[in-house]
Each structure stands twice: as C-alpha cells, then as structure tokens.
C-alpha atoms as a PDB file:
ATOM      1  CA  MET A   1      40.880-218.313 147.273  1.00  0.00           C
ATOM      2  CA  SER A   2      41.992-218.542 150.890  1.00  0.00           C
ATOM      3  CA  GLU A   3      45.603-217.590 150.018  1.00  0.00           C
ATOM      4  CA  GLU A   4      44.422-214.065 149.159  1.00  0.00           C
ATOM      5  CA  LYS A   5      42.599-213.555 152.449  1.00  0.00           C
ATOM      6  CA  GLU A   6      44.170-211.727 155.361  1.00  0.00           C
ATOM      7  CA  ILE A   7      44.875-213.893 158.406  1.00  0.00           C
ATOM      8  CA  VAL A   8      43.697-212.212 161.604  1.00  0.00           C
ATOM      9  CA  ILE A   9      44.680-214.972 164.085  1.00  0.00           C
ATOM     10  CA  ASN A  10      47.249-217.630 163.233  1.00  0.00           C
ATOM     11  CA  VAL A  11      47.496-220.583 165.607  1.00  0.00           C
ATOM     12  CA  LYS A  12      50.686-222.624 165.185  1.00  0.00           C
ATOM     13  CA  ASN A  13      51.497-225.903 166.975  1.00  0.00           C
ATOM     14  CA  LEU A  14      49.496-224.861 170.023  1.00  0.00           C
ATOM     15  CA  SER A  15      49.557-227.190 173.035  1.00  0.00           C
ATOM     16  CA  VAL A  16      47.662-226.434 176.239  1.00  0.00           C
ATOM     17  CA  GLY A  17      47.992-228.285 179.527  1.00  0.00           C
ATOM     18  CA  PHE A  18      46.562-228.330 183.028  1.00  0.00           C
ATOM     19  CA  THR A  19      48.157-229.146 186.358  1.00  0.00           C
ATOM     20  CA  VAL A  20      45.957-231.629 188.202  1.00  0.00           C
ATOM     21  CA  ARG A  21      47.026-233.046 191.593  1.00  0.00           C
ATOM     22  CA  GLY A  22      50.597-231.964 190.943  1.00  0.00           C
ATOM     23  CA  LYS A  23      50.799-233.623 187.525  1.00  0.00           C
ATOM     24  CA  LYS A  24      50.916-231.742 184.217  1.00  0.00           C
ATOM     25  CA  THR A  25      48.724-233.089 181.439  1.00  0.00           C
ATOM     26  CA  ASN A  26      48.480-231.756 177.871  1.00  0.00           C
ATOM     27  CA  VAL A  27      44.879-231.619 176.676  1.00  0.00           C
ATOM     28  CA  ILE A  28      45.362-229.686 173.416  1.00  0.00           C
ATOM     29  CA  ARG A  29      48.136-231.165 171.323  1.00  0.00           C
ATOM     30  CA  ASN A  30      49.934-229.281 168.534  1.00  0.00           C
ATOM     31  CA  ILE A  31      46.993-227.760 166.729  1.00  0.00           C
ATOM     32  CA  SER A  32      47.433-225.266 163.889  1.00  0.00           C
ATOM     33  CA  PHE A  33      44.836-223.252 161.987  1.00  0.00           C
ATOM     34  CA  PRO A  34      44.397-219.740 160.553  1.00  0.00           C
ATOM     35  CA  VAL A  35      41.384-217.482 161.131  1.00  0.00           C
ATOM     36  CA  TYR A  36      40.743-215.198 158.161  1.00  0.00           C
ATOM     37  CA  ARG A  37      39.487-211.630 158.543  1.00  0.00           C
ATOM     38  CA  GLY A  38      35.734-211.296 158.079  1.00  0.00           C
ATOM     39  CA  GLU A  39      34.968-215.007 157.975  1.00  0.00           C
ATOM     40  CA  THR A  40      32.853-217.169 160.253  1.00  0.00           C
ATOM     41  CA  LEU A  41      34.851-220.187 161.416  1.00  0.00           C
ATOM     42  CA  ALA A  42      33.128-222.983 163.336  1.00  0.00           C
ATOM     43  CA  ILE A  43      35.045-225.134 165.788  1.00  0.00           C
ATOM     44  CA  VAL A  44      32.894-228.222 166.264  1.00  0.00           C
ATOM     45  CA  GLY A  45      33.301-231.357 168.332  1.00  0.00           C
ATOM     46  CA  GLU A  46      31.833-233.282 171.224  1.00  0.00           C
ATOM     47  CA  SER A  47      31.870-231.961 174.782  1.00  0.00           C
ATOM     48  CA  GLY A  48      35.374-232.133 176.244  1.00  0.00           C
ATOM     49  CA  SER A  49      37.152-232.157 172.872  1.00  0.00           C
ATOM     50  CA  GLY A  50      38.946-228.884 173.668  1.00  0.00           C
ATOM     51  CA  LYS A  51      36.931-226.298 171.720  1.00  0.00           C
ATOM     52  CA  SER A  52      36.460-223.759 174.518  1.00  0.00           C
ATOM     53  CA  VAL A  53      39.925-224.335 175.984  1.00  0.00           C
ATOM     54  CA  THR A  54      41.458-223.488 172.605  1.00  0.00           C
ATOM     55  CA  THR A  55      39.658-220.151 172.256  1.00  0.00           C
ATOM     56  CA  LYS A  56      40.171-219.219 175.919  1.00  0.00           C
ATOM     57  CA  THR A  57      43.885-218.954 175.069  1.00  0.00           C
ATOM     58  CA  PHE A  58      42.989-216.077 172.694  1.00  0.00           C
ATOM     59  CA  THR A  59      41.782-213.925 175.594  1.00  0.00           C
ATOM     60  CA  GLY A  60      43.899-215.203 178.510  1.00  0.00           C
ATOM     61  CA  MET A  61      40.915-216.848 180.196  1.00  0.00           C
ATOM     62  CA  LEU A  62      42.313-220.300 180.933  1.00  0.00           C
ATOM     63  CA  ASP A  63      41.601-221.586 184.434  1.00  0.00           C
ATOM     64  CA  SER A  64      44.320-220.832 186.972  1.00  0.00           C
ATOM     65  CA  ASN A  65      45.801-224.337 186.634  1.00  0.00           C
ATOM     66  CA  GLY A  66      45.951-224.076 182.820  1.00  0.00           C
ATOM     67  CA  PHE A  67      49.021-223.129 180.782  1.00  0.00           C
ATOM     68  CA  ILE A  68      50.246-222.968 177.188  1.00  0.00           C
ATOM     69  CA  SER A  69      53.058-225.499 176.881  1.00  0.00           C
ATOM     70  CA  ASN A  70      53.965-224.989 173.233  1.00  0.00           C
ATOM     71  CA  GLY A  71      53.259-223.010 170.093  1.00  0.00           C
ATOM     72  CA  SER A  72      52.167-219.493 169.194  1.00  0.00           C
ATOM     73  CA  ILE A  73      48.980-217.461 168.643  1.00  0.00           C
ATOM     74  CA  GLU A  74      49.831-214.619 166.272  1.00  0.00           C
ATOM     75  CA  PHE A  75      47.510-211.604 166.365  1.00  0.00           C
ATOM     76  CA  ASP A  76      48.434-208.198 164.898  1.00  0.00           C
ATOM     77  CA  GLY A  77      52.177-208.752 165.234  1.00  0.00           C
ATOM     78  CA  MET A  78      51.895-210.074 168.808  1.00  0.00           C
ATOM     79  CA  ASP A  79      52.210-213.605 170.154  1.00  0.00           C
ATOM     80  CA  LEU A  80      49.303-213.993 172.581  1.00  0.00           C
ATOM     81  CA  ALA A  81      50.838-217.244 173.864  1.00  0.00           C
ATOM     82  CA  LYS A  82      53.581-215.158 175.512  1.00  0.00           C
ATOM     83  CA  PHE A  83      51.195-212.858 177.418  1.00  0.00           C
ATOM     84  CA  GLU A  84      51.507-213.338 181.169  1.00  0.00           C
ATOM     85  CA  THR A  85      49.929-210.439 183.060  1.00  0.00           C
ATOM     86  CA  ASN A  86      46.413-209.093 183.241  1.00  0.00           C
ATOM     87  CA  ASP A  87      47.747-205.732 182.007  1.00  0.00           C
ATOM     88  CA  ASP A  88      48.883-207.434 178.789  1.00  0.00           C
ATOM     89  CA  TRP A  89      45.411-208.881 178.298  1.00  0.00           C
ATOM     90  CA  LEU A  90      43.509-205.668 179.038  1.00  0.00           C
ATOM     91  CA  GLN A  91      44.496-204.362 175.602  1.00  0.00           C
ATOM     92  CA  ILE A  92      43.083-207.476 173.911  1.00  0.00           C
ATOM     93  CA  ARG A  93      40.299-209.032 175.997  1.00  0.00           C
ATOM     94  CA  GLY A  94      36.937-207.477 175.193  1.00  0.00           C
ATOM     95  CA  LYS A  95      38.500-204.574 173.364  1.00  0.00           C
ATOM     96  CA  ARG A  96      39.790-206.491 170.334  1.00  0.00           C
ATOM     97  CA  ILE A  97      38.742-210.101 170.922  1.00  0.00           C
ATOM     98  CA  ALA A  98      35.398-210.467 172.710  1.00  0.00           C
ATOM     99  CA  THR A  99      33.531-213.585 173.850  1.00  0.00           C
ATOM    100  CA  ILE A 100      29.827-214.391 174.145  1.00  0.00           C
ATOM    101  CA  PHE A 101      29.399-217.275 176.572  1.00  0.00           C
ATOM    102  CA  GLN A 102      26.857-220.065 176.701  1.00  0.00           C
ATOM    103  CA  ASP A 103      25.025-218.910 179.832  1.00  0.00           C
ATOM    104  CA  PRO A 104      24.384-215.159 179.884  1.00  0.00           C
ATOM    105  CA  MET A 105      23.795-215.210 183.644  1.00  0.00           C
ATOM    106  CA  THR A 106      27.454-216.039 184.209  1.00  0.00           C
ATOM    107  CA  SER A 107      28.441-212.990 182.120  1.00  0.00           C
ATOM    108  CA  LEU A 108      26.044-210.523 183.755  1.00  0.00           C
ATOM    109  CA  ASN A 109      26.225-209.231 187.316  1.00  0.00           C
ATOM    110  CA  PRO A 110      22.800-209.878 188.915  1.00  0.00           C
ATOM    111  CA  LEU A 111      23.251-206.927 191.301  1.00  0.00           C
ATOM    112  CA  LEU A 112      23.779-204.261 188.611  1.00  0.00           C
ATOM    113  CA  THR A 113      21.300-202.895 186.097  1.00  0.00           C
ATOM    114  CA  ILE A 114      21.607-203.910 182.454  1.00  0.00           C
ATOM    115  CA  GLY A 115      22.218-200.279 181.472  1.00  0.00           C
ATOM    116  CA  TYR A 116      25.009-199.846 183.984  1.00  0.00           C
ATOM    117  CA  GLN A 117      26.794-202.972 182.727  1.00  0.00           C
ATOM    118  CA  ILE A 118      26.757-201.811 179.090  1.00  0.00           C
ATOM    119  CA  SER A 119      27.660-198.215 179.998  1.00  0.00           C
ATOM    120  CA  GLU A 120      30.580-199.413 182.121  1.00  0.00           C
ATOM    121  CA  VAL A 121      32.146-201.081 179.052  1.00  0.00           C
ATOM    122  CA  LEU A 122      31.702-197.934 176.938  1.00  0.00           C
ATOM    123  CA  ILE A 123      33.271-195.727 179.631  1.00  0.00           C
ATOM    124  CA  LEU A 124      36.185-198.158 180.118  1.00  0.00           C
ATOM    125  CA  HIS A 125      37.017-198.821 176.460  1.00  0.00           C
ATOM    126  CA  HIS A 126      35.948-195.585 174.745  1.00  0.00           C
ATOM    127  CA  ASN A 127      36.338-192.921 177.462  1.00  0.00           C
ATOM    128  CA  LEU A 128      32.744-191.725 177.105  1.00  0.00           C
ATOM    129  CA  SER A 129      31.062-189.582 179.749  1.00  0.00           C
ATOM    130  CA  LYS A 130      28.208-191.128 181.765  1.00  0.00           C
ATOM    131  CA  GLU A 131      25.607-189.340 179.663  1.00  0.00           C
ATOM    132  CA  GLU A 132      27.232-190.304 176.356  1.00  0.00           C
ATOM    133  CA  ALA A 133      27.592-193.907 177.553  1.00  0.00           C
ATOM    134  CA  LYS A 134      23.912-194.083 178.549  1.00  0.00           C
ATOM    135  CA  LYS A 135      22.815-192.778 175.146  1.00  0.00           C
ATOM    136  CA  GLU A 136      25.076-195.232 173.319  1.00  0.00           C
ATOM    137  CA  ALA A 137      23.969-198.124 175.573  1.00  0.00           C
ATOM    138  CA  ILE A 138      20.306-197.469 174.739  1.00  0.00           C
ATOM    139  CA  GLU A 139      21.214-197.429 171.030  1.00  0.00           C
ATOM    140  CA  LEU A 140      22.975-200.780 171.452  1.00  0.00           C
ATOM    141  CA  LEU A 141      19.922-202.256 173.207  1.00  0.00           C
ATOM    142  CA  LYS A 142      17.832-201.132 170.238  1.00  0.00           C
ATOM    143  CA  LYS A 143      20.416-202.587 167.861  1.00  0.00           C
ATOM    144  CA  VAL A 144      20.055-206.033 169.482  1.00  0.00           C
ATOM    145  CA  LYS A 145      16.251-205.657 169.281  1.00  0.00           C
ATOM    146  CA  ILE A 146      15.383-205.178 172.959  1.00  0.00           C
ATOM    147  CA  PRO A 147      11.892-203.598 172.968  1.00  0.00           C
ATOM    148  CA  ASN A 148      11.359-200.381 175.003  1.00  0.00           C
ATOM    149  CA  ALA A 149      15.125-199.956 175.353  1.00  0.00           C
ATOM    150  CA  GLU A 150      14.858-196.665 177.294  1.00  0.00           C
ATOM    151  CA  GLN A 151      12.720-198.299 179.995  1.00  0.00           C
ATOM    152  CA  ARG A 152      14.589-201.612 180.021  1.00  0.00           C
ATOM    153  CA  TYR A 153      17.927-199.789 180.504  1.00  0.00           C
ATOM    154  CA  ASN A 154      17.249-199.639 184.267  1.00  0.00           C
ATOM    155  CA  ASP A 155      16.108-203.264 184.645  1.00  0.00           C
ATOM    156  CA  TYR A 156      18.136-206.022 186.304  1.00  0.00           C
ATOM    157  CA  PRO A 157      19.166-209.275 184.563  1.00  0.00           C
ATOM    158  CA  PHE A 158      16.487-211.334 186.398  1.00  0.00           C
ATOM    159  CA  GLN A 159      13.816-209.144 184.743  1.00  0.00           C
ATOM    160  CA  TYR A 160      14.934-210.328 181.294  1.00  0.00           C
ATOM    161  CA  SER A 161      14.212-213.692 179.645  1.00  0.00           C
ATOM    162  CA  GLY A 162      17.098-216.004 178.689  1.00  0.00           C
ATOM    163  CA  GLY A 163      16.991-214.892 175.050  1.00  0.00           C
ATOM    164  CA  MET A 164      16.939-211.220 176.014  1.00  0.00           C
ATOM    165  CA  ARG A 165      19.867-211.697 178.412  1.00  0.00           C
ATOM    166  CA  GLN A 166      21.833-213.256 175.550  1.00  0.00           C
ATOM    167  CA  ARG A 167      20.997-210.181 173.426  1.00  0.00           C
ATOM    168  CA  VAL A 168      22.362-207.980 176.234  1.00  0.00           C
ATOM    169  CA  VAL A 169      25.604-209.992 176.262  1.00  0.00           C
ATOM    170  CA  ILE A 170      25.831-209.414 172.484  1.00  0.00           C
ATOM    171  CA  ALA A 171      25.242-205.677 173.100  1.00  0.00           C
ATOM    172  CA  ILE A 172      28.121-205.651 175.622  1.00  0.00           C
ATOM    173  CA  ALA A 173      30.370-207.366 173.052  1.00  0.00           C
ATOM    174  CA  LEU A 174      29.257-204.781 170.466  1.00  0.00           C
ATOM    175  CA  ALA A 175      30.115-201.981 172.888  1.00  0.00           C
ATOM    176  CA  CYS A 176      33.728-203.174 172.813  1.00  0.00           C
ATOM    177  CA  ARG A 177      33.752-202.987 168.968  1.00  0.00           C
ATOM    178  CA  PRO A 178      35.966-206.057 168.704  1.00  0.00           C
ATOM    179  CA  GLU A 179      37.781-207.302 165.613  1.00  0.00           C
ATOM    180  CA  VAL A 180      37.103-210.929 166.563  1.00  0.00           C
ATOM    181  CA  LEU A 181      33.960-212.251 168.275  1.00  0.00           C
ATOM    182  CA  ILE A 182      34.114-215.707 169.869  1.00  0.00           C
ATOM    183  CA  CYS A 183      30.633-217.223 170.277  1.00  0.00           C
ATOM    184  CA  ASP A 184      30.994-220.061 172.777  1.00  0.00           C
ATOM    185  CA  GLU A 185      27.820-222.113 172.254  1.00  0.00           C
ATOM    186  CA  PRO A 186      25.732-218.930 172.551  1.00  0.00           C
ATOM    187  CA  THR A 187      22.417-220.682 171.872  1.00  0.00           C
ATOM    188  CA  THR A 188      22.720-223.892 173.920  1.00  0.00           C
ATOM    189  CA  ALA A 189      20.664-222.645 176.869  1.00  0.00           C
ATOM    190  CA  LEU A 190      17.868-221.241 174.657  1.00  0.00           C
ATOM    191  CA  ASP A 191      14.825-222.802 173.044  1.00  0.00           C
ATOM    192  CA  VAL A 192      14.816-223.450 169.305  1.00  0.00           C
ATOM    193  CA  THR A 193      12.907-220.373 168.101  1.00  0.00           C
ATOM    194  CA  VAL A 194      15.065-218.057 170.236  1.00  0.00           C
ATOM    195  CA  GLN A 195      18.203-219.856 168.992  1.00  0.00           C
ATOM    196  CA  ALA A 196      17.259-218.985 165.414  1.00  0.00           C
ATOM    197  CA  GLN A 197      16.704-215.332 166.366  1.00  0.00           C
ATOM    198  CA  ILE A 198      20.076-215.057 168.148  1.00  0.00           C
ATOM    199  CA  ILE A 199      21.938-216.665 165.226  1.00  0.00           C
ATOM    200  CA  ALA A 200      20.188-214.349 162.744  1.00  0.00           C
ATOM    201  CA  LEU A 201      21.093-211.375 164.950  1.00  0.00           C
ATOM    202  CA  ILE A 202      24.786-212.361 165.128  1.00  0.00           C
ATOM    203  CA  LYS A 203      24.886-212.790 161.320  1.00  0.00           C
ATOM    204  CA  GLU A 204      23.168-209.438 160.743  1.00  0.00           C
ATOM    205  CA  LEU A 205      25.508-207.587 163.117  1.00  0.00           C
ATOM    206  CA  GLN A 206      28.569-209.274 161.621  1.00  0.00           C
ATOM    207  CA  SER A 207      27.698-208.021 158.144  1.00  0.00           C
ATOM    208  CA  GLU A 208      27.232-204.510 159.579  1.00  0.00           C
ATOM    209  CA  TYR A 209      30.282-204.370 161.860  1.00  0.00           C
ATOM    210  CA  LYS A 210      32.591-206.551 159.717  1.00  0.00           C
ATOM    211  CA  TRP A 211      34.074-208.478 162.605  1.00  0.00           C
ATOM    212  CA  THR A 212      35.462-212.027 162.359  1.00  0.00           C
ATOM    213  CA  THR A 213      33.415-214.714 164.129  1.00  0.00           C
ATOM    214  CA  ILE A 214      34.610-217.943 165.727  1.00  0.00           C
ATOM    215  CA  PHE A 215      31.598-220.128 166.492  1.00  0.00           C
ATOM    216  CA  ILE A 216      32.051-222.941 169.035  1.00  0.00           C
ATOM    217  CA  THR A 217      29.263-225.483 168.838  1.00  0.00           C
ATOM    218  CA  HIS A 218      28.301-229.127 168.621  1.00  0.00           C
ATOM    219  CA  ASP A 219      25.079-228.269 166.804  1.00  0.00           C
ATOM    220  CA  LEU A 220      25.574-229.029 163.122  1.00  0.00           C
ATOM    221  CA  GLY A 221      22.329-227.202 162.288  1.00  0.00           C
ATOM    222  CA  VAL A 222      23.943-223.988 163.527  1.00  0.00           C
ATOM    223  CA  VAL A 223      27.056-224.770 161.481  1.00  0.00           C
ATOM    224  CA  ALA A 224      25.068-225.298 158.276  1.00  0.00           C
ATOM    225  CA  ASN A 225      23.383-221.918 158.711  1.00  0.00           C
ATOM    226  CA  VAL A 226      26.207-219.566 159.568  1.00  0.00           C
ATOM    227  CA  VAL A 227      29.741-220.641 158.811  1.00  0.00           C
ATOM    228  CA  ASP A 228      32.291-220.341 155.999  1.00  0.00           C
ATOM    229  CA  ARG A 229      34.762-222.966 157.265  1.00  0.00           C
ATOM    230  CA  VAL A 230      34.683-225.734 159.853  1.00  0.00           C
ATOM    231  CA  ALA A 231      37.441-227.135 162.084  1.00  0.00           C
ATOM    232  CA  VAL A 232      36.486-230.436 163.735  1.00  0.00           C
ATOM    233  CA  MET A 233      38.077-231.163 167.114  1.00  0.00           C
ATOM    234  CA  TYR A 234      38.390-234.577 168.721  1.00  0.00           C
ATOM    235  CA  GLY A 235      40.470-235.473 171.764  1.00  0.00           C
ATOM    236  CA  GLY A 236      42.342-232.169 171.822  1.00  0.00           C
ATOM    237  CA  GLN A 237      43.341-232.207 168.158  1.00  0.00           C
ATOM    238  CA  ILE A 238      41.928-230.812 164.947  1.00  0.00           C
ATOM    239  CA  VAL A 239      41.054-233.814 162.827  1.00  0.00           C
END
C-alpha cells in the first residue's frame, strides 16, 4: 500500500551533530525514513534517543551548537538540510510545518493575552486585519473546545489550566494551517484524563484539516491509540 502514498517529507541518511567544548559529536547517525501525506507517524524511544533533535531539523530549531553533518530532508522540492538563514525558515516554520511542544508555558508569552498571541499568528501568516484576526482567533478557541471563548480571549496564560494552555498551543498551530504538525510529547505534562482529551482533539482536528502528524512520545499507550506507523529510535538511530 505505502508505495501508492505521497511522501510529504523524505529523510535520507540524516546525521546531526553538536559542538561541545570545541569537539564535534554526531548524535543522530544516518537515519532514513519517509513521512506520508495524511498519516500519523510516531517516533518512539527513551529520553535522549534523538527523537526531538530529529524533528527540530524539520523547522530549523536545533540549538545554536547543533548542525546537520550529512544527508537531506526533502520537502516540496526543497532540501531543508541546506537552509541556513532565518529568512529561509520563515516560509516553513509554523506556516507549513508547525510544532506543539511538551510544556505549553514555554510556547506562550506570559505577558501577552491568549487572544493577542493567536491573532498575531493570523496577521503574520494570513495578512488579516486586527478585527478579522480577533474573530478568527475566537473561532479557533471554540474549535479547540475552550469554554466562553469570547471572554477567555483577553485572559493571560496563567489564568488557564495546563490542559487549556495546551489547547491554546494547538489553536496557534491551527492558525498557521500547516501541512505537517509535529507533536513533541504534547501530553507529558498533563494528567491522564486531560491527556486523553488532548489526543482525541488532535485526532479530530487532523481528520478535519487533513494535515500529516508526527507524534514524538515514549508512551506506548498514546502510540496504540493514534498512529498509523511507528519508527523506534535508540541511540540516535532508527532501529
């Protein structure tokens, strides 16, 4: 079956290294895998196996001492491994490949209202006016099941629970209308009942918006519930 599917991201012989105390060390070694359009792919493995580092190369978010030492990441006729400047990445990051991180508080600015942070994305990526962006942002809050969205639009992140903050981060990703959504352990910081709600929400939105999902996790319960294919990482390689 998989031969007939369209490949949206094709990783070939990818190696990623870091410079630590003047020495270069490869931590991801020659990994290759395709990501098919519309599927949910899980990348599973223990902490430190290289899951997040691998997907950070898709959006140019490696730490400043990180570098791609070998291989290619093909996406829509481009090789993302060759991107060097922030301007290159602005066309991809968020807009076409978006990421939901593990801790929503690191993704949200505590000094800005929730509504402002969603509206800002809509204005930046879709050239909406302030009024249009506010209307769309409220719709997105409703879409991710935030109650009383009109009132909560003006609240700050600290006024939301952990689960609700994660819903806001999903709303911001939705605002970008990406082709690929990377979920980097999006439920780790949440309790079990909220985890189930967030996973159900991501699945529901994926079927509506038809994006491709890459799920990074070490929770095999999550994997059993949501994914089509699994890549297991160990020691910087896909095993």
